[in-house]
N, C-alpha and C. Protein backbone atom coordinates (compact mmCIF):
# COMPACT_ATOMS: atom_id res chain seq x y z
N UNK A 1 25.16 36.99 0.76
CA UNK A 1 24.47 35.62 0.45
C UNK A 1 23.66 35.45 1.93
N UNK A 2 22.56 34.91 1.82
CA UNK A 2 21.99 34.57 3.18
C UNK A 2 22.21 33.57 3.70
N UNK A 3 21.51 32.92 4.95
CA UNK A 3 21.49 31.69 5.21
C UNK A 3 20.90 30.63 4.54
N UNK A 4 19.62 30.91 4.01
CA UNK A 4 19.53 29.68 2.79
C UNK A 4 19.95 29.94 1.41
N UNK A 5 20.52 30.66 1.19
CA UNK A 5 20.98 30.63 0.37
C UNK A 5 22.27 29.67 0.19
N UNK A 6 23.21 29.77 1.66
CA UNK A 6 24.30 29.35 1.78
C UNK A 6 23.71 27.31 2.16
N UNK A 7 23.16 27.88 2.98
CA UNK A 7 22.63 26.10 2.97
C UNK A 7 21.88 25.70 1.73
N UNK A 8 21.88 26.30 0.68
CA UNK A 8 21.11 25.76 -0.40
C UNK A 8 22.51 25.76 -1.28
N UNK A 9 23.31 26.34 -1.36
CA UNK A 9 24.44 25.77 -1.92
C UNK A 9 25.21 24.45 -1.45
N UNK A 10 25.07 24.32 -0.49
CA UNK A 10 26.61 23.59 0.38
C UNK A 10 25.25 21.97 -0.65
N UNK A 11 23.98 21.59 -0.51
CA UNK A 11 23.34 20.75 -0.65
C UNK A 11 23.26 20.41 -2.44
N UNK A 12 23.22 21.30 -2.95
CA UNK A 12 23.57 21.39 -4.62
C UNK A 12 24.64 20.34 -3.95
N UNK A 13 26.20 21.27 -3.97
CA UNK A 13 27.51 19.85 -4.03
C UNK A 13 27.27 19.11 -3.79
N UNK A 14 25.99 18.44 -2.09
CA UNK A 14 26.33 17.01 -2.25
C UNK A 14 24.99 16.19 -3.02
N UNK A 15 24.24 16.94 -3.98
CA UNK A 15 23.53 16.63 -4.16
C UNK A 15 22.29 16.80 -5.09
N UNK A 16 22.20 17.39 -4.21
CA UNK A 16 20.30 18.39 -4.36
C UNK A 16 20.52 18.90 -5.27
N UNK A 17 19.28 18.29 -5.89
CA UNK A 17 19.21 19.17 -7.99
C UNK A 17 17.64 20.31 -7.50
N UNK A 18 17.08 20.22 -6.82
CA UNK A 18 16.17 21.53 -6.61
C UNK A 18 15.51 20.85 -5.34
N UNK A 19 15.05 22.59 -5.56
CA UNK A 19 13.49 22.80 -3.95
C UNK A 19 12.73 23.56 -3.66
N UNK A 20 11.59 22.86 -3.95
CA UNK A 20 10.08 24.44 -4.10
C UNK A 20 9.70 24.25 -3.07
N UNK A 21 8.81 25.06 -2.77
CA UNK A 21 7.79 26.18 -1.67
C UNK A 21 6.67 26.87 -2.32
N UNK A 22 5.60 25.91 -1.95
CA UNK A 22 4.43 26.18 -2.68
C UNK A 22 4.09 27.33 -1.10
N UNK A 23 3.80 28.04 -0.67
CA UNK A 23 3.45 29.46 0.54
C UNK A 23 2.15 30.32 -0.35
N UNK A 24 1.10 29.89 0.81
CA UNK A 24 -0.32 30.57 0.24
C UNK A 24 -0.09 32.43 1.09
N UNK A 25 0.30 33.47 1.01
CA UNK A 25 0.03 34.20 2.28
C UNK A 25 -0.72 34.12 3.51
N UNK A 26 -0.30 34.42 4.04
CA UNK A 26 -1.59 34.52 5.31
C UNK A 26 -1.47 34.70 6.24
N UNK A 27 -1.61 34.82 7.71
CA UNK A 27 -1.57 34.32 8.77
C UNK A 27 0.10 34.71 9.57
N UNK A 28 0.97 35.80 8.60
CA UNK A 28 2.15 35.43 9.25
C UNK A 28 2.83 34.04 8.05
N UNK A 29 3.27 34.57 7.06
CA UNK A 29 3.09 32.47 6.22
C UNK A 29 4.26 33.98 5.55
N UNK A 30 5.40 33.63 5.18
CA UNK A 30 6.61 33.51 4.14
C UNK A 30 7.40 32.81 3.31
N UNK A 31 7.44 33.17 2.94
CA UNK A 31 8.74 32.24 1.72
C UNK A 31 9.69 33.06 2.92
N UNK A 32 10.02 33.91 3.02
CA UNK A 32 11.62 33.48 4.88
C UNK A 32 10.89 32.79 6.04
N UNK A 33 9.81 33.11 6.12
CA UNK A 33 9.47 31.63 7.65
C UNK A 33 10.17 30.99 7.14
N UNK A 34 9.29 29.92 5.96
CA UNK A 34 9.18 29.17 5.62
C UNK A 34 10.74 28.76 5.93
N UNK A 35 11.59 29.18 5.28
CA UNK A 35 13.07 28.59 4.68
C UNK A 35 13.94 28.62 6.17
N UNK A 36 13.30 30.12 7.52
CA UNK A 36 13.81 29.65 8.58
C UNK A 36 13.77 28.56 9.14
N UNK A 37 11.88 27.90 8.54
CA UNK A 37 12.09 26.74 9.80
C UNK A 37 12.30 25.27 9.17
N UNK A 38 13.10 25.75 7.54
CA UNK A 38 14.11 24.65 6.48
C UNK A 38 15.42 24.71 7.76
N UNK A 39 15.25 26.00 7.64
CA UNK A 39 17.57 26.05 8.64
C UNK A 39 17.47 25.17 9.26
N UNK A 40 16.15 25.78 10.90
CA UNK A 40 15.98 25.12 12.30
C UNK A 40 16.01 23.54 11.74
N UNK A 41 15.33 22.96 11.04
CA UNK A 41 15.11 21.87 11.06
C UNK A 41 16.08 20.84 10.74
N UNK A 42 16.73 21.61 9.69
CA UNK A 42 18.07 20.96 9.10
C UNK A 42 19.24 20.97 10.21
N UNK A 43 19.09 21.82 11.10
CA UNK A 43 20.03 22.27 12.42
C UNK A 43 19.89 20.92 12.80
N UNK A 44 18.58 20.75 13.66
CA UNK A 44 18.29 20.00 14.71
C UNK A 44 18.81 18.27 14.50
N UNK A 45 18.51 17.92 13.09
CA UNK A 45 19.21 16.97 12.53
C UNK A 45 20.13 16.71 12.32
N UNK A 46 20.93 17.55 12.16
CA UNK A 46 22.60 17.48 11.65
C UNK A 46 22.83 17.58 13.40
N UNK A 47 22.73 17.86 14.51
CA UNK A 47 23.62 18.17 15.97
C UNK A 47 22.82 16.27 16.36
N UNK A 48 21.80 15.69 15.24
CA UNK A 48 21.64 14.47 15.90
C UNK A 48 20.14 14.37 17.10
N UNK A 49 18.92 15.53 17.46
CA UNK A 49 18.77 15.11 18.09
C UNK A 49 16.83 14.84 17.30
N UNK A 50 16.99 14.48 16.66
CA UNK A 50 15.89 13.87 15.61
C UNK A 50 16.68 12.56 15.18
N UNK A 51 15.58 11.06 15.18
CA UNK A 51 15.91 10.38 14.64
C UNK A 51 15.97 10.19 13.13
N UNK A 52 16.98 9.39 12.65
CA UNK A 52 16.33 9.39 10.88
C UNK A 52 16.09 8.08 10.67
N UNK A 53 15.09 8.18 11.17
CA UNK A 53 14.01 6.59 11.07
C UNK A 53 12.29 7.27 10.88
N UNK A 54 12.16 6.28 10.09
CA UNK A 54 10.45 7.47 10.08
C UNK A 54 9.77 7.17 11.05
N UNK A 55 8.71 7.63 11.16
CA UNK A 55 7.75 7.44 12.53
C UNK A 55 6.91 5.97 12.50
N UNK A 56 6.85 6.18 13.97
CA UNK A 56 5.95 4.95 13.85
C UNK A 56 5.30 5.42 15.05
N UNK A 57 4.41 4.59 14.80
CA UNK A 57 2.53 4.86 15.89
C UNK A 57 2.89 4.29 17.39
N UNK A 58 2.85 4.79 18.28
CA UNK A 58 2.75 4.44 19.33
C UNK A 58 1.85 4.28 20.80
N UNK A 59 1.18 4.34 20.35
CA UNK A 59 -0.61 5.08 20.62
C UNK A 59 -2.04 4.09 19.82
N UNK A 60 -2.48 3.34 20.44
CA UNK A 60 -4.21 2.62 19.97
C UNK A 60 -3.80 3.51 19.12
N UNK A 61 -4.60 2.96 18.00
CA UNK A 61 -4.80 4.13 16.91
C UNK A 61 -6.09 2.84 16.44
N UNK A 62 -6.98 3.53 15.99
CA UNK A 62 -8.25 3.36 15.08
C UNK A 62 -7.30 2.46 13.61
N UNK A 63 -8.70 1.17 13.81
CA UNK A 63 -7.47 -0.10 12.50
C UNK A 63 -8.59 0.98 10.78
N UNK A 64 -9.12 2.06 10.93
CA UNK A 64 -9.65 2.92 9.96
C UNK A 64 -8.65 3.82 9.77
N UNK A 65 -8.02 4.33 10.73
CA UNK A 65 -6.87 5.62 10.60
C UNK A 65 -5.40 4.84 10.63
N UNK A 66 -5.82 3.65 11.23
CA UNK A 66 -3.99 3.11 10.19
C UNK A 66 -4.48 2.47 9.38
N UNK A 67 -5.40 2.16 9.21
CA UNK A 67 -5.21 2.24 7.34
C UNK A 67 -4.52 2.89 6.04
N UNK A 68 -5.11 4.62 6.58
CA UNK A 68 -4.16 5.42 5.59
C UNK A 68 -3.94 6.00 5.91
N UNK A 69 -3.03 5.64 7.57
CA UNK A 69 -1.63 5.63 7.69
C UNK A 69 -0.59 4.61 7.00
N UNK A 70 -1.14 3.15 6.70
CA UNK A 70 0.22 2.15 5.74
C UNK A 70 -0.31 2.97 4.74
N UNK A 71 -1.40 3.67 4.24
CA UNK A 71 -1.66 3.65 3.27
C UNK A 71 -0.30 4.91 2.39
N UNK A 72 0.22 5.39 2.85
CA UNK A 72 0.40 7.04 2.48
C UNK A 72 2.09 6.45 3.22
N UNK A 73 2.01 4.78 3.11
CA UNK A 73 4.42 4.82 3.50
C UNK A 73 4.25 3.79 2.08
N UNK A 74 2.93 3.89 1.24
CA UNK A 74 3.90 2.86 0.17
C UNK A 74 4.51 4.25 -1.14
């Protein structure tokens, strides 16, 4: 069993139902690379290095761009 499978089974035990990846081959992108990135991100979050709150703008954003950002949070 690999690291991703171990992580996935633990997440299923916590209630995760399914996860899907859509990977388009090219430039060294593989499903294994995506899974490794997911595991790395999960480790950083679990270690408390990343806030669990959604990001918010901290600079001046043109109103047209701000409208797109706000619409994406619906």
